[in-house]
Amino acid sequence: MATKKVTVTIPEDLLDEIRADAAERGLSAYVAEALRFKRDRDRLLELVDWLQEEHGPVTEDERATALEELDDLDAEHERRRTAGGRDAGEAA
């Protein structure tokens, strides 16, 4: 994947925290991951806005169900992450 060097300004205290958290994988990888996460979240919020315009607001029951499903997905991802490569051939 092609990369490009850029210059950004970050508050010093935040940079110190990020460097400590990013030590093993490196600052560039940490920042790239954070930017991808932010971009994906922005796109998701745009989708939510569009869906609510098309279908009306989400009810509290729908929201609670979705959050439960996300918790289940997070638990499954954590299980797979901690299992390491042992589940590499397992169907999703």
PDB file of N, CA and C in Angstrom:
ATOM      1  N   MET A   1       0.843  -1.168   0.000  1.00  0.00           N
ATOM      2  CA  MET A   1       0.000   0.000   0.000  1.00  0.00           C
ATOM      3  C   MET A   1       0.893   1.237   0.000  1.00  0.00           C
ATOM      4  N   ALA A   2       0.568   2.166  -0.852  1.00  0.00           N
ATOM      5  CA  ALA A   2       1.332   3.409  -0.929  1.00  0.00           C
ATOM      6  C   ALA A   2       1.057   4.269   0.294  1.00  0.00           C
ATOM      7  N   THR A   3       2.065   4.980   0.720  1.00  0.00           N
ATOM      8  CA  THR A   3       1.925   5.893   1.852  1.00  0.00           C
ATOM      9  C   THR A   3       2.444   7.260   1.451  1.00  0.00           C
ATOM     10  N   LYS A   4       2.060   8.253   2.227  1.00  0.00           N
ATOM     11  CA  LYS A   4       2.529   9.603   1.985  1.00  0.00           C
ATOM     12  C   LYS A   4       2.790  10.252   3.332  1.00  0.00           C
ATOM     13  N   LYS A   5       3.904  10.916   3.436  1.00  0.00           N
ATOM     14  CA  LYS A   5       4.272  11.583   4.668  1.00  0.00           C
ATOM     15  C   LYS A   5       3.556  12.936   4.741  1.00  0.00           C
ATOM     16  N   VAL A   6       2.965  13.234   5.907  1.00  0.00           N
ATOM     17  CA  VAL A   6       2.280  14.504   6.132  1.00  0.00           C
ATOM     18  C   VAL A   6       2.718  15.065   7.478  1.00  0.00           C
ATOM     19  N   THR A   7       2.471  16.329   7.665  1.00  0.00           N
ATOM     20  CA  THR A   7       2.772  16.973   8.933  1.00  0.00           C
ATOM     21  C   THR A   7       1.463  17.391   9.580  1.00  0.00           C
ATOM     22  N   VAL A   8       1.304  17.036  10.850  1.00  0.00           N
ATOM     23  CA  VAL A   8       0.115  17.423  11.605  1.00  0.00           C
ATOM     24  C   VAL A   8       0.560  18.019  12.934  1.00  0.00           C
ATOM     25  N   THR A   9      -0.310  18.810  13.528  1.00  0.00           N
ATOM     26  CA  THR A   9      -0.033  19.394  14.828  1.00  0.00           C
ATOM     27  C   THR A   9      -0.959  18.752  15.844  1.00  0.00           C
ATOM     28  N   ILE A  10      -0.363  18.202  16.906  1.00  0.00           N
ATOM     29  CA  ILE A  10      -1.107  17.491  17.943  1.00  0.00           C
ATOM     30  C   ILE A  10      -0.700  18.072  19.294  1.00  0.00           C
ATOM     31  N   PRO A  11      -1.654  18.291  20.193  1.00  0.00           N
ATOM     32  CA  PRO A  11      -1.283  18.768  21.531  1.00  0.00           C
ATOM     33  C   PRO A  11      -0.245  17.838  22.168  1.00  0.00           C
ATOM     34  N   GLU A  12       0.743  18.418  22.798  1.00  0.00           N
ATOM     35  CA  GLU A  12       1.880  17.667  23.322  1.00  0.00           C
ATOM     36  C   GLU A  12       1.460  16.575  24.309  1.00  0.00           C
ATOM     37  N   ASP A  13       0.532  16.875  25.201  1.00  0.00           N
ATOM     38  CA  ASP A  13       0.115  15.873  26.186  1.00  0.00           C
ATOM     39  C   ASP A  13      -0.568  14.678  25.513  1.00  0.00           C
ATOM     40  N   LEU A  14      -1.361  14.952  24.472  1.00  0.00           N
ATOM     41  CA  LEU A  14      -2.002  13.875  23.726  1.00  0.00           C
ATOM     42  C   LEU A  14      -0.953  13.040  22.988  1.00  0.00           C
ATOM     43  N   LEU A  15       0.013  13.698  22.386  1.00  0.00           N
ATOM     44  CA  LEU A  15       1.068  12.992  21.672  1.00  0.00           C
ATOM     45  C   LEU A  15       1.846  12.073  22.611  1.00  0.00           C
ATOM     46  N   ASP A  16       2.130  12.535  23.817  1.00  0.00           N
ATOM     47  CA  ASP A  16       2.836  11.702  24.800  1.00  0.00           C
ATOM     48  C   ASP A  16       2.031  10.441  25.122  1.00  0.00           C
ATOM     49  N   GLU A  17       0.727  10.602  25.304  1.00  0.00           N
ATOM     50  CA  GLU A  17      -0.132   9.451  25.594  1.00  0.00           C
ATOM     51  C   GLU A  17      -0.176   8.486  24.411  1.00  0.00           C
ATOM     52  N   ILE A  18      -0.316   9.035  23.216  1.00  0.00           N
ATOM     53  CA  ILE A  18      -0.396   8.201  22.015  1.00  0.00           C
ATOM     54  C   ILE A  18       0.906   7.435  21.808  1.00  0.00           C
ATOM     55  N   ARG A  19       2.024   8.098  21.989  1.00  0.00           N
ATOM     56  CA  ARG A  19       3.316   7.415  21.818  1.00  0.00           C
ATOM     57  C   ARG A  19       3.454   6.256  22.792  1.00  0.00           C
ATOM     58  N   ALA A  20       2.982   6.443  24.013  1.00  0.00           N
ATOM     59  CA  ALA A  20       3.048   5.363  25.001  1.00  0.00           C
ATOM     60  C   ALA A  20       2.163   4.194  24.571  1.00  0.00           C
ATOM     61  N   ASP A  21       0.965   4.491  24.079  1.00  0.00           N
ATOM     62  CA  ASP A  21       0.036   3.442  23.644  1.00  0.00           C
ATOM     63  C   ASP A  21       0.491   2.771  22.353  1.00  0.00           C
ATOM     64  N   ALA A  22       1.155   3.505  21.483  1.00  0.00           N
ATOM     65  CA  ALA A  22       1.512   3.017  20.158  1.00  0.00           C
ATOM     66  C   ALA A  22       2.906   2.413  20.085  1.00  0.00           C
ATOM     67  N   ALA A  23       3.569   2.289  21.200  1.00  0.00           N
ATOM     68  CA  ALA A  23       4.978   1.913  21.228  1.00  0.00           C
ATOM     69  C   ALA A  23       5.316   0.726  20.334  1.00  0.00           C
ATOM     70  N   GLU A  24       4.582  -0.375  20.450  1.00  0.00           N
ATOM     71  CA  GLU A  24       4.935  -1.593  19.711  1.00  0.00           C
ATOM     72  C   GLU A  24       4.670  -1.480  18.212  1.00  0.00           C
ATOM     73  N   ARG A  25       3.550  -0.922  17.827  1.00  0.00           N
ATOM     74  CA  ARG A  25       3.217  -0.890  16.400  1.00  0.00           C
ATOM     75  C   ARG A  25       3.668   0.377  15.711  1.00  0.00           C
ATOM     76  N   GLY A  26       4.015   1.404  16.468  1.00  0.00           N
ATOM     77  CA  GLY A  26       4.515   2.645  15.895  1.00  0.00           C
ATOM     78  C   GLY A  26       3.442   3.717  15.785  1.00  0.00           C
ATOM     79  N   LEU A  27       3.906   4.949  15.855  1.00  0.00           N
ATOM     80  CA  LEU A  27       3.008   6.099  15.834  1.00  0.00           C
ATOM     81  C   LEU A  27       2.227   6.189  14.524  1.00  0.00           C
ATOM     82  N   SER A  28       2.884   5.991  13.394  1.00  0.00           N
ATOM     83  CA  SER A  28       2.197   6.096  12.100  1.00  0.00           C
ATOM     84  C   SER A  28       1.069   5.084  11.983  1.00  0.00           C
ATOM     85  N   ALA A  29       1.316   3.838  12.383  1.00  0.00           N
ATOM     86  CA  ALA A  29       0.278   2.803  12.313  1.00  0.00           C
ATOM     87  C   ALA A  29      -0.877   3.144  13.246  1.00  0.00           C
ATOM     88  N   TYR A  30      -0.564   3.653  14.422  1.00  0.00           N
ATOM     89  CA  TYR A  30      -1.596   4.029  15.392  1.00  0.00           C
ATOM     90  C   TYR A  30      -2.476   5.144  14.833  1.00  0.00           C
ATOM     91  N   VAL A  31      -1.840   6.168  14.288  1.00  0.00           N
ATOM     92  CA  VAL A  31      -2.590   7.307  13.742  1.00  0.00           C
ATOM     93  C   VAL A  31      -3.416   6.877  12.531  1.00  0.00           C
ATOM     94  N   ALA A  32      -2.857   6.053  11.654  1.00  0.00           N
ATOM     95  CA  ALA A  32      -3.600   5.581  10.486  1.00  0.00           C
ATOM     96  C   ALA A  32      -4.834   4.793  10.920  1.00  0.00           C
ATOM     97  N   GLU A  33      -4.668   3.940  11.919  1.00  0.00           N
ATOM     98  CA  GLU A  33      -5.801   3.165  12.430  1.00  0.00           C
ATOM     99  C   GLU A  33      -6.869   4.094  13.023  1.00  0.00           C
ATOM    100  N   ALA A  34      -6.446   5.094  13.774  1.00  0.00           N
ATOM    101  CA  ALA A  34      -7.390   6.042  14.371  1.00  0.00           C
ATOM    102  C   ALA A  34      -8.139   6.823  13.295  1.00  0.00           C
ATOM    103  N   LEU A  35      -7.432   7.226  12.241  1.00  0.00           N
ATOM    104  CA  LEU A  35      -8.078   7.963  11.155  1.00  0.00           C
ATOM    105  C   LEU A  35      -9.073   7.083  10.396  1.00  0.00           C
ATOM    106  N   ARG A  36      -8.715   5.816  10.178  1.00  0.00           N
ATOM    107  CA  ARG A  36      -9.652   4.899   9.521  1.00  0.00           C
ATOM    108  C   ARG A  36     -10.909   4.717  10.380  1.00  0.00           C
ATOM    109  N   PHE A  37     -10.704   4.553  11.679  1.00  0.00           N
ATOM    110  CA  PHE A  37     -11.829   4.398  12.606  1.00  0.00           C
ATOM    111  C   PHE A  37     -12.739   5.623  12.548  1.00  0.00           C
ATOM    112  N   LYS A  38     -12.158   6.816  12.574  1.00  0.00           N
ATOM    113  CA  LYS A  38     -12.933   8.056  12.522  1.00  0.00           C
ATOM    114  C   LYS A  38     -13.683   8.172  11.200  1.00  0.00           C
ATOM    115  N   ARG A  39     -13.000   7.875  10.099  1.00  0.00           N
ATOM    116  CA  ARG A  39     -13.647   7.926   8.783  1.00  0.00           C
ATOM    117  C   ARG A  39     -14.822   6.953   8.708  1.00  0.00           C
ATOM    118  N   ASP A  40     -14.609   5.729   9.187  1.00  0.00           N
ATOM    119  CA  ASP A  40     -15.672   4.728   9.159  1.00  0.00           C
ATOM    120  C   ASP A  40     -16.844   5.143  10.043  1.00  0.00           C
ATOM    121  N   ARG A  41     -16.547   5.719  11.193  1.00  0.00           N
ATOM    122  CA  ARG A  41     -17.607   6.182  12.096  1.00  0.00           C
ATOM    123  C   ARG A  41     -18.403   7.313  11.451  1.00  0.00           C
ATOM    124  N   ASP A  42     -17.728   8.248  10.804  1.00  0.00           N
ATOM    125  CA  ASP A  42     -18.416   9.344  10.110  1.00  0.00           C
ATOM    126  C   ASP A  42     -19.337   8.805   9.024  1.00  0.00           C
ATOM    127  N   ARG A  43     -18.857   7.826   8.264  1.00  0.00           N
ATOM    128  CA  ARG A  43     -19.676   7.225   7.206  1.00  0.00           C
ATOM    129  C   ARG A  43     -20.888   6.503   7.802  1.00  0.00           C
ATOM    130  N   LEU A  44     -20.671   5.823   8.912  1.00  0.00           N
ATOM    131  CA  LEU A  44     -21.768   5.128   9.570  1.00  0.00           C
ATOM    132  C   LEU A  44     -22.822   6.122  10.066  1.00  0.00           C
ATOM    133  N   LEU A  45     -22.377   7.236  10.626  1.00  0.00           N
ATOM    134  CA  LEU A  45     -23.326   8.253  11.082  1.00  0.00           C
ATOM    135  C   LEU A  45     -24.115   8.842   9.919  1.00  0.00           C
ATOM    136  N   GLU A  46     -23.466   9.018   8.761  1.00  0.00           N
ATOM    137  CA  GLU A  46     -24.183   9.482   7.573  1.00  0.00           C
ATOM    138  C   GLU A  46     -25.246   8.465   7.157  1.00  0.00           C
ATOM    139  N   LEU A  47     -24.914   7.183   7.233  1.00  0.00           N
ATOM    140  CA  LEU A  47     -25.873   6.136   6.894  1.00  0.00           C
ATOM    141  C   LEU A  47     -27.045   6.151   7.867  1.00  0.00           C
ATOM    142  N   VAL A  48     -26.753   6.283   9.151  1.00  0.00           N
ATOM    143  CA  VAL A  48     -27.815   6.332  10.161  1.00  0.00           C
ATOM    144  C   VAL A  48     -28.742   7.510   9.895  1.00  0.00           C
ATOM    145  N   ASP A  49     -28.167   8.678   9.614  1.00  0.00           N
ATOM    146  CA  ASP A  49     -28.992   9.855   9.308  1.00  0.00           C
ATOM    147  C   ASP A  49     -29.893   9.587   8.103  1.00  0.00           C
ATOM    148  N   TRP A  50     -29.340   9.005   7.048  1.00  0.00           N
ATOM    149  CA  TRP A  50     -30.117   8.716   5.851  1.00  0.00           C
ATOM    150  C   TRP A  50     -31.224   7.712   6.147  1.00  0.00           C
ATOM    151  N   LEU A  51     -30.889   6.646   6.890  1.00  0.00           N
ATOM    152  CA  LEU A  51     -31.893   5.634   7.212  1.00  0.00           C
ATOM    153  C   LEU A  51     -33.024   6.219   8.055  1.00  0.00           C
ATOM    154  N   GLN A  52     -32.675   7.111   8.979  1.00  0.00           N
ATOM    155  CA  GLN A  52     -33.717   7.727   9.799  1.00  0.00           C
ATOM    156  C   GLN A  52     -34.595   8.659   8.970  1.00  0.00           C
ATOM    157  N   GLU A  53     -34.007   9.328   7.988  1.00  0.00           N
ATOM    158  CA  GLU A  53     -34.814  10.157   7.081  1.00  0.00           C
ATOM    159  C   GLU A  53     -35.773   9.293   6.267  1.00  0.00           C
ATOM    160  N   GLU A  54     -35.302   8.134   5.834  1.00  0.00           N
ATOM    161  CA  GLU A  54     -36.109   7.242   5.001  1.00  0.00           C
ATOM    162  C   GLU A  54     -37.154   6.462   5.794  1.00  0.00           C
ATOM    163  N   HIS A  55     -36.790   6.024   7.013  1.00  0.00           N
ATOM    164  CA  HIS A  55     -37.635   5.079   7.748  1.00  0.00           C
ATOM    165  C   HIS A  55     -38.089   5.573   9.120  1.00  0.00           C
ATOM    166  N   GLY A  56     -37.717   6.767   9.488  1.00  0.00           N
ATOM    167  CA  GLY A  56     -38.097   7.295  10.795  1.00  0.00           C
ATOM    168  C   GLY A  56     -37.058   6.961  11.851  1.00  0.00           C
ATOM    169  N   PRO A  57     -37.208   7.595  13.015  1.00  0.00           N
ATOM    170  CA  PRO A  57     -36.216   7.398  14.073  1.00  0.00           C
ATOM    171  C   PRO A  57     -36.230   5.974  14.633  1.00  0.00           C
ATOM    172  N   VAL A  58     -35.103   5.584  15.179  1.00  0.00           N
ATOM    173  CA  VAL A  58     -34.949   4.272  15.802  1.00  0.00           C
ATOM    174  C   VAL A  58     -35.634   4.311  17.167  1.00  0.00           C
ATOM    175  N   THR A  59     -36.416   3.265  17.471  1.00  0.00           N
ATOM    176  CA  THR A  59     -37.076   3.196  18.775  1.00  0.00           C
ATOM    177  C   THR A  59     -36.070   2.745  19.836  1.00  0.00           C
ATOM    178  N   GLU A  60     -36.419   2.936  21.095  1.00  0.00           N
ATOM    179  CA  GLU A  60     -35.532   2.492  22.181  1.00  0.00           C
ATOM    180  C   GLU A  60     -35.368   0.978  22.172  1.00  0.00           C
ATOM    181  N   ASP A  61     -36.438   0.240  21.842  1.00  0.00           N
ATOM    182  CA  ASP A  61     -36.337  -1.223  21.756  1.00  0.00           C
ATOM    183  C   ASP A  61     -35.373  -1.641  20.647  1.00  0.00           C
ATOM    184  N   GLU A  62     -35.463  -0.986  19.493  1.00  0.00           N
ATOM    185  CA  GLU A  62     -34.550  -1.291  18.387  1.00  0.00           C
ATOM    186  C   GLU A  62     -33.116  -0.967  18.770  1.00  0.00           C
ATOM    187  N   ARG A  63     -32.927   0.161  19.439  1.00  0.00           N
ATOM    188  CA  ARG A  63     -31.588   0.561  19.877  1.00  0.00           C
ATOM    189  C   ARG A  63     -31.021  -0.460  20.867  1.00  0.00           C
ATOM    190  N   ALA A  64     -31.833  -0.885  21.834  1.00  0.00           N
ATOM    191  CA  ALA A  64     -31.381  -1.860  22.836  1.00  0.00           C
ATOM    192  C   ALA A  64     -31.008  -3.186  22.179  1.00  0.00           C
ATOM    193  N   THR A  65     -31.824  -3.624  21.222  1.00  0.00           N
ATOM    194  CA  THR A  65     -31.537  -4.871  20.509  1.00  0.00           C
ATOM    195  C   THR A  65     -30.225  -4.761  19.731  1.00  0.00           C
ATOM    196  N   ALA A  66     -30.039  -3.641  19.054  1.00  0.00           N
ATOM    197  CA  ALA A  66     -28.802  -3.436  18.279  1.00  0.00           C
ATOM    198  C   ALA A  66     -27.588  -3.433  19.196  1.00  0.00           C
ATOM    199  N   LEU A  67     -27.688  -2.773  20.344  1.00  0.00           N
ATOM    200  CA  LEU A  67     -26.559  -2.734  21.277  1.00  0.00           C
ATOM    201  C   LEU A  67     -26.240  -4.128  21.822  1.00  0.00           C
ATOM    202  N   GLU A  68     -27.268  -4.928  22.079  1.00  0.00           N
ATOM    203  CA  GLU A  68     -27.038  -6.307  22.523  1.00  0.00           C
ATOM    204  C   GLU A  68     -26.311  -7.108  21.443  1.00  0.00           C
ATOM    205  N   GLU A  69     -26.739  -6.922  20.183  1.00  0.00           N
ATOM    206  CA  GLU A  69     -26.086  -7.625  19.082  1.00  0.00           C
ATOM    207  C   GLU A  69     -24.634  -7.183  18.929  1.00  0.00           C
ATOM    208  N   LEU A  70     -24.372  -5.892  19.111  1.00  0.00           N
ATOM    209  CA  LEU A  70     -22.985  -5.408  19.045  1.00  0.00           C
ATOM    210  C   LEU A  70     -22.152  -5.997  20.175  1.00  0.00           C
ATOM    211  N   ASP A  71     -22.720  -6.096  21.372  1.00  0.00           N
ATOM    212  CA  ASP A  71     -22.006  -6.713  22.489  1.00  0.00           C
ATOM    213  C   ASP A  71     -21.669  -8.169  22.175  1.00  0.00           C
ATOM    214  N   ASP A  72     -22.621  -8.882  21.560  1.00  0.00           N
ATOM    215  CA  ASP A  72     -22.370 -10.271  21.168  1.00  0.00           C
ATOM    216  C   ASP A  72     -21.247 -10.356  20.138  1.00  0.00           C
ATOM    217  N   LEU A  73     -21.253  -9.447  19.150  1.00  0.00           N
ATOM    218  CA  LEU A  73     -20.186  -9.423  18.147  1.00  0.00           C
ATOM    219  C   LEU A  73     -18.837  -9.108  18.772  1.00  0.00           C
ATOM    220  N   ASP A  74     -18.823  -8.126  19.681  1.00  0.00           N
ATOM    221  CA  ASP A  74     -17.570  -7.787  20.370  1.00  0.00           C
ATOM    222  C   ASP A  74     -17.040  -8.987  21.147  1.00  0.00           C
ATOM    223  N   ALA A  75     -17.918  -9.703  21.817  1.00  0.00           N
ATOM    224  CA  ALA A  75     -17.499 -10.879  22.577  1.00  0.00           C
ATOM    225  C   ALA A  75     -16.932 -11.953  21.648  1.00  0.00           C
ATOM    226  N   GLU A  76     -17.566 -12.146  20.495  1.00  0.00           N
ATOM    227  CA  GLU A  76     -17.072 -13.132  19.536  1.00  0.00           C
ATOM    228  C   GLU A  76     -15.714 -12.715  18.966  1.00  0.00           C
ATOM    229  N   HIS A  77     -15.557 -11.442  18.654  1.00  0.00           N
ATOM    230  CA  HIS A  77     -14.253 -10.959  18.163  1.00  0.00           C
ATOM    231  C   HIS A  77     -13.178 -11.141  19.218  1.00  0.00           C
ATOM    232  N   GLU A  78     -13.502 -10.854  20.461  1.00  0.00           N
ATOM    233  CA  GLU A  78     -12.527 -11.031  21.541  1.00  0.00           C
ATOM    234  C   GLU A  78     -12.174 -12.506  21.701  1.00  0.00           C
ATOM    235  N   ARG A  79     -13.180 -13.387  21.593  1.00  0.00           N
ATOM    236  CA  ARG A  79     -12.915 -14.819  21.705  1.00  0.00           C
ATOM    237  C   ARG A  79     -11.964 -15.268  20.601  1.00  0.00           C
ATOM    238  N   ARG A  80     -12.215 -14.801  19.376  1.00  0.00           N
ATOM    239  CA  ARG A  80     -11.354 -15.185  18.255  1.00  0.00           C
ATOM    240  C   ARG A  80      -9.956 -14.593  18.395  1.00  0.00           C
ATOM    241  N   ARG A  81      -9.882 -13.355  18.880  1.00  0.00           N
ATOM    242  CA  ARG A  81      -8.575 -12.709  19.052  1.00  0.00           C
ATOM    243  C   ARG A  81      -7.741 -13.466  20.078  1.00  0.00           C
ATOM    244  N   THR A  82      -8.359 -13.841  21.188  1.00  0.00           N
ATOM    245  CA  THR A  82      -7.604 -14.534  22.232  1.00  0.00           C
ATOM    246  C   THR A  82      -7.311 -15.977  21.860  1.00  0.00           C
ATOM    247  N   ALA A  83      -8.107 -16.544  20.934  1.00  0.00           N
ATOM    248  CA  ALA A  83      -7.854 -17.917  20.484  1.00  0.00           C
ATOM    249  C   ALA A  83      -6.661 -17.953  19.532  1.00  0.00           C
ATOM    250  N   GLY A  84      -6.261 -16.799  19.007  1.00  0.00           N
ATOM    251  CA  GLY A  84      -5.122 -16.728  18.089  1.00  0.00           C
ATOM    252  C   GLY A  84      -5.424 -17.413  16.784  1.00  0.00           C
ATOM    253  N   GLY A  85      -4.446 -18.115  16.243  1.00  0.00           N
ATOM    254  CA  GLY A  85      -4.586 -18.746  14.934  1.00  0.00           C
ATOM    255  C   GLY A  85      -5.339 -20.060  14.983  1.00  0.00           C
ATOM    256  N   ARG A  86      -5.741 -20.514  16.165  1.00  0.00           N
ATOM    257  CA  ARG A  86      -6.387 -21.817  16.257  1.00  0.00           C
ATOM    258  C   ARG A  86      -7.689 -21.895  15.477  1.00  0.00           C
ATOM    259  N   ASP A  87      -8.402 -20.768  15.304  1.00  0.00           N
ATOM    260  CA  ASP A  87      -9.676 -20.780  14.587  1.00  0.00           C
ATOM    261  C   ASP A  87      -9.524 -20.289  13.150  1.00  0.00           C
ATOM    262  N   ALA A  88      -8.303 -20.245  12.640  1.00  0.00           N
ATOM    263  CA  ALA A  88      -8.060 -19.645  11.322  1.00  0.00           C
ATOM    264  C   ALA A  88      -8.882 -20.300  10.229  1.00  0.00           C
ATOM    265  N   GLY A  89      -9.132 -21.622  10.292  1.00  0.00           N
ATOM    266  CA  GLY A  89      -9.880 -22.284   9.259  1.00  0.00           C
ATOM    267  C   GLY A  89     -11.357 -22.394   9.558  1.00  0.00           C
ATOM    268  N   GLU A  90     -11.791 -21.894  10.707  1.00  0.00           N
ATOM    269  CA  GLU A  90     -13.179 -22.005  11.125  1.00  0.00           C
ATOM    270  C   GLU A  90     -14.059 -21.074  10.298  1.00  0.00           C
ATOM    271  N   ALA A  91     -15.187 -21.589   9.872  1.00  0.00           N
ATOM    272  CA  ALA A  91     -16.144 -20.762   9.123  1.00  0.00           C
ATOM    273  C   ALA A  91     -16.765 -19.716  10.049  1.00  0.00           C
ATOM    274  N   ALA A  92     -17.044 -18.548   9.483  1.00  0.00           N
ATOM    275  CA  ALA A  92     -17.641 -17.479  10.271  1.00  0.00           C
ATOM    276  C   ALA A  92     -19.113 -17.718  10.497  1.00  0.00           C
TER     277      ALA A  92
END
